[in-house]
């Protein structure tokens, strides 16, 4: 893989802001030809720097108004694969982060309402060798994507 330069980082930022941005628009912004921009984006994809393009979904508009993170502790002999398998089996789980330290996993959950969240947490507690959970509700968020 070749090192990324300033233009590569500009292109990545433009695509982070809008993955459907045209090569023509990006070429005007970075001061290069359309063909040069396309070659760079293709190289970034081939090198695995760009792993795909996705749509950003407003989950609240789909009825998933509650977002929370559950800190989960498992028994000492639970494998990382088992942690991911049991937590990700719940359809309300959107991400599982295995972590080092006192906790074993941070699980991102989306639910319709508080009652639904409680049900999901109860199901998570019953999945695998869970010793305990602590739930953190999201009040607001910001991210770079």
N, C-alpha and C. Protein backbone atom coordinates (compact mmCIF):
# COMPACT_ATOMS: atom_id res chain seq x y z
N UNK A 1 0.85 -1.18 0.00
CA UNK A 1 0.00 0.00 0.00
C UNK A 1 0.89 1.24 0.00
N UNK A 2 0.53 2.19 -0.82
CA UNK A 2 1.29 3.44 -0.88
C UNK A 2 0.82 4.38 0.21
N UNK A 3 1.70 5.30 0.59
CA UNK A 3 1.35 6.28 1.63
C UNK A 3 0.30 7.25 1.09
N UNK A 4 -0.56 7.72 1.98
CA UNK A 4 -1.58 8.67 1.58
C UNK A 4 -1.04 10.08 1.69
N UNK A 5 -1.36 10.90 0.68
CA UNK A 5 -0.94 12.29 0.72
C UNK A 5 -2.13 13.19 1.06
N UNK A 6 -1.90 14.50 1.01
CA UNK A 6 -2.93 15.48 1.36
C UNK A 6 -4.18 15.33 0.50
N UNK A 7 -3.99 15.09 -0.80
CA UNK A 7 -5.14 14.95 -1.71
C UNK A 7 -5.95 13.71 -1.37
N UNK A 8 -5.26 12.60 -1.08
CA UNK A 8 -5.98 11.38 -0.68
C UNK A 8 -6.85 11.64 0.54
N UNK A 9 -6.30 12.35 1.52
CA UNK A 9 -7.07 12.66 2.73
C UNK A 9 -8.24 13.59 2.40
N UNK A 10 -8.05 14.53 1.48
CA UNK A 10 -9.15 15.40 1.07
C UNK A 10 -10.26 14.57 0.42
N UNK A 11 -9.88 13.67 -0.46
CA UNK A 11 -10.87 12.82 -1.13
C UNK A 11 -11.63 11.96 -0.13
N UNK A 12 -10.91 11.39 0.83
CA UNK A 12 -11.57 10.59 1.86
C UNK A 12 -12.56 11.43 2.65
N UNK A 13 -12.19 12.64 3.00
CA UNK A 13 -13.11 13.52 3.75
C UNK A 13 -14.33 13.86 2.90
N UNK A 14 -14.14 14.15 1.64
CA UNK A 14 -15.27 14.44 0.75
C UNK A 14 -16.22 13.25 0.66
N UNK A 15 -15.65 12.05 0.56
CA UNK A 15 -16.49 10.85 0.49
C UNK A 15 -17.14 10.53 1.83
N UNK A 16 -16.47 10.85 2.94
CA UNK A 16 -17.10 10.66 4.26
C UNK A 16 -18.32 11.56 4.39
N UNK A 17 -18.21 12.78 3.87
CA UNK A 17 -19.33 13.73 3.94
C UNK A 17 -20.49 13.29 3.05
N UNK A 18 -20.17 12.74 1.88
CA UNK A 18 -21.20 12.32 0.93
C UNK A 18 -20.62 11.24 0.03
N UNK A 19 -20.94 9.99 0.32
CA UNK A 19 -20.41 8.87 -0.44
C UNK A 19 -20.90 8.81 -1.87
N UNK A 20 -21.90 9.63 -2.21
CA UNK A 20 -22.43 9.66 -3.58
C UNK A 20 -21.89 10.85 -4.37
N UNK A 21 -20.95 11.57 -3.79
CA UNK A 21 -20.35 12.73 -4.45
C UNK A 21 -19.72 12.29 -5.77
N UNK A 22 -19.90 13.07 -6.81
CA UNK A 22 -19.38 12.71 -8.13
C UNK A 22 -17.88 12.96 -8.22
N UNK A 23 -17.23 12.23 -9.11
CA UNK A 23 -15.81 12.45 -9.36
C UNK A 23 -15.58 13.87 -9.88
N UNK A 24 -16.51 14.38 -10.68
CA UNK A 24 -16.39 15.75 -11.21
C UNK A 24 -16.36 16.77 -10.09
N UNK A 25 -17.26 16.63 -9.14
CA UNK A 25 -17.31 17.57 -8.02
C UNK A 25 -16.04 17.49 -7.18
N UNK A 26 -15.59 16.26 -6.92
CA UNK A 26 -14.36 16.10 -6.14
C UNK A 26 -13.15 16.66 -6.89
N UNK A 27 -13.11 16.47 -8.21
CA UNK A 27 -12.00 16.97 -9.02
C UNK A 27 -11.93 18.50 -8.94
N UNK A 28 -13.07 19.16 -9.01
CA UNK A 28 -13.09 20.63 -8.89
C UNK A 28 -12.59 21.06 -7.52
N UNK A 29 -13.00 20.34 -6.48
CA UNK A 29 -12.63 20.71 -5.11
C UNK A 29 -11.14 20.56 -4.86
N UNK A 30 -10.54 19.48 -5.35
CA UNK A 30 -9.11 19.23 -5.08
C UNK A 30 -8.20 19.76 -6.18
N UNK A 31 -8.78 20.27 -7.28
CA UNK A 31 -7.96 20.85 -8.35
C UNK A 31 -7.24 19.83 -9.19
N UNK A 32 -7.91 18.71 -9.48
CA UNK A 32 -7.32 17.67 -10.32
C UNK A 32 -8.31 17.30 -11.41
N UNK A 33 -7.86 16.51 -12.38
CA UNK A 33 -8.76 16.02 -13.43
C UNK A 33 -9.67 14.94 -12.86
N UNK A 34 -10.79 14.74 -13.53
CA UNK A 34 -11.74 13.70 -13.12
C UNK A 34 -11.06 12.33 -13.18
N UNK A 35 -10.28 12.09 -14.23
CA UNK A 35 -9.60 10.79 -14.38
C UNK A 35 -8.61 10.56 -13.23
N UNK A 36 -7.89 11.59 -12.83
CA UNK A 36 -6.92 11.45 -11.74
C UNK A 36 -7.63 11.14 -10.42
N UNK A 37 -8.76 11.80 -10.18
CA UNK A 37 -9.54 11.55 -8.96
C UNK A 37 -10.06 10.13 -8.97
N UNK A 38 -10.59 9.69 -10.12
CA UNK A 38 -11.11 8.32 -10.21
C UNK A 38 -10.01 7.30 -9.95
N UNK A 39 -8.82 7.52 -10.51
CA UNK A 39 -7.70 6.60 -10.27
C UNK A 39 -7.35 6.53 -8.78
N UNK A 40 -7.34 7.69 -8.12
CA UNK A 40 -7.01 7.72 -6.70
C UNK A 40 -8.07 6.99 -5.87
N UNK A 41 -9.34 7.24 -6.16
CA UNK A 41 -10.41 6.57 -5.42
C UNK A 41 -10.36 5.07 -5.67
N UNK A 42 -10.13 4.68 -6.92
CA UNK A 42 -9.99 3.25 -7.23
C UNK A 42 -8.84 2.63 -6.46
N UNK A 43 -7.69 3.34 -6.37
CA UNK A 43 -6.53 2.83 -5.62
C UNK A 43 -6.87 2.71 -4.14
N UNK A 44 -7.59 3.71 -3.59
CA UNK A 44 -7.98 3.65 -2.19
C UNK A 44 -8.89 2.46 -1.92
N UNK A 45 -9.73 2.12 -2.87
CA UNK A 45 -10.59 0.94 -2.73
C UNK A 45 -9.75 -0.34 -2.84
N UNK A 46 -8.88 -0.41 -3.83
CA UNK A 46 -8.05 -1.61 -4.03
C UNK A 46 -7.14 -1.86 -2.82
N UNK A 47 -6.65 -0.77 -2.21
CA UNK A 47 -5.78 -0.90 -1.04
C UNK A 47 -6.56 -1.20 0.24
N UNK A 48 -7.89 -1.16 0.16
CA UNK A 48 -8.71 -1.45 1.33
C UNK A 48 -8.91 -0.27 2.26
N UNK A 49 -8.43 0.91 1.88
CA UNK A 49 -8.65 2.11 2.69
C UNK A 49 -10.14 2.45 2.67
N UNK A 50 -10.73 2.39 1.50
CA UNK A 50 -12.19 2.53 1.36
C UNK A 50 -12.73 1.11 1.26
N UNK A 51 -13.52 0.72 2.26
CA UNK A 51 -14.01 -0.66 2.29
C UNK A 51 -15.43 -0.80 1.77
N UNK A 52 -16.08 0.32 1.46
CA UNK A 52 -17.43 0.25 0.94
C UNK A 52 -18.12 1.59 1.07
N UNK A 53 -19.31 1.67 0.53
CA UNK A 53 -20.13 2.87 0.60
C UNK A 53 -21.47 2.47 1.20
N UNK A 54 -21.96 3.27 2.15
CA UNK A 54 -23.21 2.93 2.82
C UNK A 54 -24.13 4.14 2.89
N UNK A 55 -25.38 3.87 3.18
CA UNK A 55 -26.35 4.92 3.42
C UNK A 55 -26.45 5.18 4.92
N UNK A 56 -26.56 6.43 5.30
CA UNK A 56 -26.77 6.76 6.70
C UNK A 56 -28.28 6.77 6.94
N UNK A 57 -28.72 6.00 7.91
CA UNK A 57 -30.14 5.81 8.18
C UNK A 57 -30.53 6.57 9.45
N UNK A 58 -31.63 7.28 9.40
CA UNK A 58 -32.18 7.93 10.59
C UNK A 58 -33.08 6.90 11.28
N UNK A 59 -32.54 6.23 12.27
CA UNK A 59 -33.25 5.13 12.93
C UNK A 59 -34.51 5.61 13.65
N UNK A 60 -34.51 6.83 14.15
CA UNK A 60 -35.69 7.36 14.84
C UNK A 60 -36.88 7.44 13.89
N UNK A 61 -36.63 7.76 12.63
CA UNK A 61 -37.72 7.83 11.64
C UNK A 61 -38.30 6.45 11.32
N UNK A 62 -37.53 5.41 11.68
CA UNK A 62 -38.01 4.04 11.49
C UNK A 62 -38.67 3.48 12.75
N UNK A 63 -38.77 4.31 13.79
CA UNK A 63 -39.41 3.88 15.02
C UNK A 63 -38.45 3.43 16.11
N UNK A 64 -37.15 3.47 15.86
CA UNK A 64 -36.15 3.08 16.84
C UNK A 64 -35.69 4.34 17.58
N UNK A 65 -36.50 4.81 18.53
CA UNK A 65 -36.28 6.11 19.15
C UNK A 65 -35.28 6.10 20.29
N UNK A 66 -34.95 4.92 20.81
CA UNK A 66 -34.02 4.80 21.94
C UNK A 66 -32.72 4.18 21.45
N UNK A 67 -31.62 4.83 21.81
CA UNK A 67 -30.30 4.25 21.56
C UNK A 67 -29.60 4.14 22.90
N UNK A 68 -28.94 3.02 23.12
CA UNK A 68 -28.25 2.80 24.40
C UNK A 68 -27.01 1.94 24.16
N UNK A 69 -26.13 2.00 25.13
CA UNK A 69 -24.97 1.11 25.15
C UNK A 69 -25.04 0.31 26.43
N UNK A 70 -24.83 -0.98 26.31
CA UNK A 70 -24.80 -1.84 27.49
C UNK A 70 -23.36 -2.28 27.70
N UNK A 71 -22.86 -2.01 28.89
CA UNK A 71 -21.56 -2.55 29.30
C UNK A 71 -21.84 -3.95 29.82
N UNK A 72 -21.13 -4.93 29.30
CA UNK A 72 -21.44 -6.32 29.63
C UNK A 72 -20.19 -7.02 30.17
N UNK A 73 -20.38 -7.73 31.26
CA UNK A 73 -19.32 -8.57 31.85
C UNK A 73 -19.73 -10.03 31.68
N UNK A 74 -18.79 -10.83 31.18
CA UNK A 74 -19.02 -12.26 30.98
C UNK A 74 -18.15 -13.05 31.96
N UNK A 75 -18.44 -14.34 32.09
CA UNK A 75 -17.59 -15.19 32.92
C UNK A 75 -16.19 -15.21 32.34
N UNK A 76 -15.20 -15.49 33.17
CA UNK A 76 -13.80 -15.41 32.78
C UNK A 76 -13.37 -16.28 31.63
N UNK A 77 -14.07 -17.35 31.37
CA UNK A 77 -13.65 -18.27 30.32
C UNK A 77 -14.43 -18.09 29.02
N UNK A 78 -15.22 -17.04 28.91
CA UNK A 78 -16.00 -16.81 27.70
C UNK A 78 -15.09 -16.28 26.59
N UNK A 79 -15.11 -16.92 25.44
CA UNK A 79 -14.25 -16.50 24.33
C UNK A 79 -14.84 -15.25 23.65
N UNK A 80 -13.98 -14.52 22.98
CA UNK A 80 -14.42 -13.33 22.24
C UNK A 80 -15.46 -13.73 21.20
N UNK A 81 -15.25 -14.86 20.54
CA UNK A 81 -16.21 -15.31 19.53
C UNK A 81 -17.59 -15.56 20.15
N UNK A 82 -17.63 -16.14 21.34
CA UNK A 82 -18.91 -16.39 22.02
C UNK A 82 -19.57 -15.08 22.44
N UNK A 83 -18.77 -14.12 22.88
CA UNK A 83 -19.32 -12.81 23.25
C UNK A 83 -20.00 -12.18 22.05
N UNK A 84 -19.30 -12.13 20.94
CA UNK A 84 -19.85 -11.52 19.72
C UNK A 84 -21.07 -12.31 19.23
N UNK A 85 -20.97 -13.63 19.23
CA UNK A 85 -22.06 -14.47 18.73
C UNK A 85 -23.34 -14.29 19.53
N UNK A 86 -23.22 -14.33 20.86
CA UNK A 86 -24.43 -14.25 21.68
C UNK A 86 -25.04 -12.86 21.67
N UNK A 87 -24.21 -11.83 21.74
CA UNK A 87 -24.76 -10.46 21.75
C UNK A 87 -25.33 -10.08 20.40
N UNK A 88 -24.65 -10.44 19.32
CA UNK A 88 -25.12 -10.04 17.99
C UNK A 88 -26.32 -10.84 17.52
N UNK A 89 -26.69 -11.88 18.23
CA UNK A 89 -27.87 -12.67 17.87
C UNK A 89 -29.16 -11.89 18.08
N UNK A 90 -29.11 -10.86 18.93
CA UNK A 90 -30.32 -10.05 19.16
C UNK A 90 -30.47 -9.03 18.03
N UNK A 91 -31.63 -8.97 17.38
CA UNK A 91 -31.79 -8.06 16.24
C UNK A 91 -31.67 -6.58 16.60
N UNK A 92 -31.88 -6.24 17.85
CA UNK A 92 -31.79 -4.84 18.28
C UNK A 92 -30.34 -4.39 18.49
N UNK A 93 -29.42 -5.33 18.51
CA UNK A 93 -28.00 -5.02 18.68
C UNK A 93 -27.42 -4.58 17.35
N UNK A 94 -26.84 -3.37 17.34
CA UNK A 94 -26.28 -2.82 16.10
C UNK A 94 -24.77 -2.94 16.03
N UNK A 95 -24.11 -3.08 17.17
CA UNK A 95 -22.65 -3.25 17.18
C UNK A 95 -22.23 -3.89 18.49
N UNK A 96 -21.16 -4.66 18.43
CA UNK A 96 -20.57 -5.26 19.61
C UNK A 96 -19.08 -4.93 19.57
N UNK A 97 -18.62 -4.26 20.62
CA UNK A 97 -17.21 -3.92 20.74
C UNK A 97 -16.63 -4.72 21.89
N UNK A 98 -15.71 -5.62 21.61
CA UNK A 98 -15.02 -6.32 22.69
C UNK A 98 -13.90 -5.40 23.16
N UNK A 99 -13.75 -5.31 24.46
CA UNK A 99 -12.83 -4.33 25.02
C UNK A 99 -11.97 -4.95 26.11
N UNK A 100 -10.86 -4.28 26.39
CA UNK A 100 -9.97 -4.73 27.46
C UNK A 100 -10.32 -3.96 28.73
N UNK A 101 -10.05 -4.55 29.85
CA UNK A 101 -10.31 -3.89 31.12
C UNK A 101 -11.32 -4.65 31.94
N UNK A 102 -12.00 -3.95 32.83
CA UNK A 102 -12.96 -4.58 33.73
C UNK A 102 -14.15 -5.16 32.98
N UNK A 103 -14.58 -4.50 31.92
CA UNK A 103 -15.71 -4.97 31.11
C UNK A 103 -15.21 -5.82 29.96
N UNK A 104 -16.10 -6.64 29.42
CA UNK A 104 -15.73 -7.49 28.29
C UNK A 104 -16.26 -6.97 26.96
N UNK A 105 -17.42 -6.28 27.01
CA UNK A 105 -18.01 -5.82 25.75
C UNK A 105 -18.84 -4.56 25.99
N UNK A 106 -18.90 -3.77 24.94
CA UNK A 106 -19.78 -2.61 24.88
C UNK A 106 -20.73 -2.89 23.72
N UNK A 107 -22.02 -2.97 24.02
CA UNK A 107 -23.02 -3.38 23.04
C UNK A 107 -23.94 -2.21 22.72
N UNK A 108 -23.99 -1.84 21.43
CA UNK A 108 -24.87 -0.75 20.99
C UNK A 108 -26.23 -1.34 20.66
N UNK A 109 -27.26 -0.73 21.24
CA UNK A 109 -28.63 -1.24 21.10
C UNK A 109 -29.54 -0.12 20.61
N UNK A 110 -30.49 -0.46 19.75
CA UNK A 110 -31.57 0.46 19.36
C UNK A 110 -32.89 -0.22 19.71
N UNK A 111 -33.80 0.56 20.31
CA UNK A 111 -35.10 0.01 20.73
C UNK A 111 -36.20 1.01 20.41
N UNK A 112 -37.43 0.51 20.40
CA UNK A 112 -38.59 1.37 20.09
C UNK A 112 -38.90 2.33 21.23
N UNK A 113 -38.80 1.84 22.46
CA UNK A 113 -39.14 2.64 23.63
C UNK A 113 -38.45 2.03 24.85
N UNK A 114 -38.69 2.60 26.03
CA UNK A 114 -38.01 2.11 27.23
C UNK A 114 -38.41 0.68 27.60
N UNK A 115 -39.67 0.34 27.41
CA UNK A 115 -40.12 -1.02 27.70
C UNK A 115 -39.40 -2.01 26.80
N UNK A 116 -39.29 -1.67 25.53
CA UNK A 116 -38.59 -2.53 24.58
C UNK A 116 -37.11 -2.64 24.96
N UNK A 117 -36.48 -1.52 25.36
CA UNK A 117 -35.08 -1.56 25.79
C UNK A 117 -34.91 -2.50 26.98
N UNK A 118 -35.83 -2.44 27.94
CA UNK A 118 -35.76 -3.31 29.11
C UNK A 118 -35.83 -4.78 28.68
N UNK A 119 -36.70 -5.08 27.74
CA UNK A 119 -36.82 -6.44 27.22
C UNK A 119 -35.52 -6.90 26.56
N UNK A 120 -34.91 -6.00 25.77
CA UNK A 120 -33.65 -6.33 25.09
C UNK A 120 -32.55 -6.59 26.12
N UNK A 121 -32.46 -5.75 27.14
CA UNK A 121 -31.44 -5.93 28.18
C UNK A 121 -31.66 -7.26 28.90
N UNK A 122 -32.91 -7.58 29.19
CA UNK A 122 -33.21 -8.86 29.84
C UNK A 122 -32.77 -10.03 28.96
N UNK A 123 -33.03 -9.94 27.65
CA UNK A 123 -32.61 -11.00 26.73
C UNK A 123 -31.09 -11.07 26.63
N UNK A 124 -30.43 -9.92 26.64
CA UNK A 124 -28.96 -9.89 26.59
C UNK A 124 -28.38 -10.55 27.84
N UNK A 125 -28.98 -10.27 28.99
CA UNK A 125 -28.51 -10.89 30.24
C UNK A 125 -28.66 -12.40 30.22
N UNK A 126 -29.64 -12.89 29.49
CA UNK A 126 -29.86 -14.33 29.42
C UNK A 126 -29.09 -15.01 28.31
N UNK A 127 -28.36 -14.23 27.51
CA UNK A 127 -27.62 -14.80 26.36
C UNK A 127 -26.19 -15.09 26.77
N UNK A 128 -25.80 -16.33 26.77
CA UNK A 128 -24.42 -16.68 27.10
C UNK A 128 -24.15 -16.58 28.59
N UNK A 129 -22.90 -16.44 28.92
CA UNK A 129 -22.45 -16.46 30.31
C UNK A 129 -22.28 -15.04 30.84
N UNK A 130 -23.35 -14.26 30.83
CA UNK A 130 -23.31 -12.86 31.26
C UNK A 130 -23.35 -12.80 32.78
N UNK A 131 -22.38 -12.08 33.35
CA UNK A 131 -22.35 -11.87 34.80
C UNK A 131 -23.13 -10.62 35.21
N UNK A 132 -23.12 -9.62 34.33
CA UNK A 132 -23.82 -8.40 34.67
C UNK A 132 -23.76 -7.39 33.55
N UNK A 133 -24.66 -6.40 33.63
CA UNK A 133 -24.70 -5.34 32.63
C UNK A 133 -24.89 -3.99 33.33
N UNK A 134 -24.54 -2.95 32.62
CA UNK A 134 -24.86 -1.59 33.02
C UNK A 134 -25.25 -0.87 31.74
N UNK A 135 -26.40 -0.21 31.74
CA UNK A 135 -26.93 0.40 30.53
C UNK A 135 -26.75 1.91 30.57
N UNK A 136 -26.25 2.45 29.48
CA UNK A 136 -26.07 3.88 29.31
C UNK A 136 -26.96 4.34 28.17
N UNK A 137 -27.87 5.26 28.43
CA UNK A 137 -28.77 5.76 27.39
C UNK A 137 -28.14 6.94 26.68
N UNK A 138 -28.28 6.97 25.37
CA UNK A 138 -27.74 8.06 24.57
C UNK A 138 -28.75 9.21 24.55
N UNK A 139 -28.28 10.39 24.92
CA UNK A 139 -29.12 11.59 24.89
C UNK A 139 -28.92 12.36 23.60
N UNK A 140 -27.75 12.31 23.07
CA UNK A 140 -27.41 12.99 21.82
C UNK A 140 -26.10 12.41 21.31
N UNK A 141 -25.78 12.70 20.06
CA UNK A 141 -24.54 12.15 19.51
C UNK A 141 -23.97 13.06 18.44
N UNK A 142 -22.72 12.86 18.18
CA UNK A 142 -21.99 13.53 17.10
C UNK A 142 -20.99 12.52 16.57
N UNK A 143 -20.83 12.45 15.28
CA UNK A 143 -19.76 11.62 14.74
C UNK A 143 -19.23 12.23 13.45
N UNK A 144 -18.08 11.79 13.05
CA UNK A 144 -17.40 12.36 11.90
C UNK A 144 -17.93 11.83 10.58
N UNK A 145 -18.70 10.75 10.56
CA UNK A 145 -19.17 10.18 9.31
C UNK A 145 -20.32 10.93 8.72
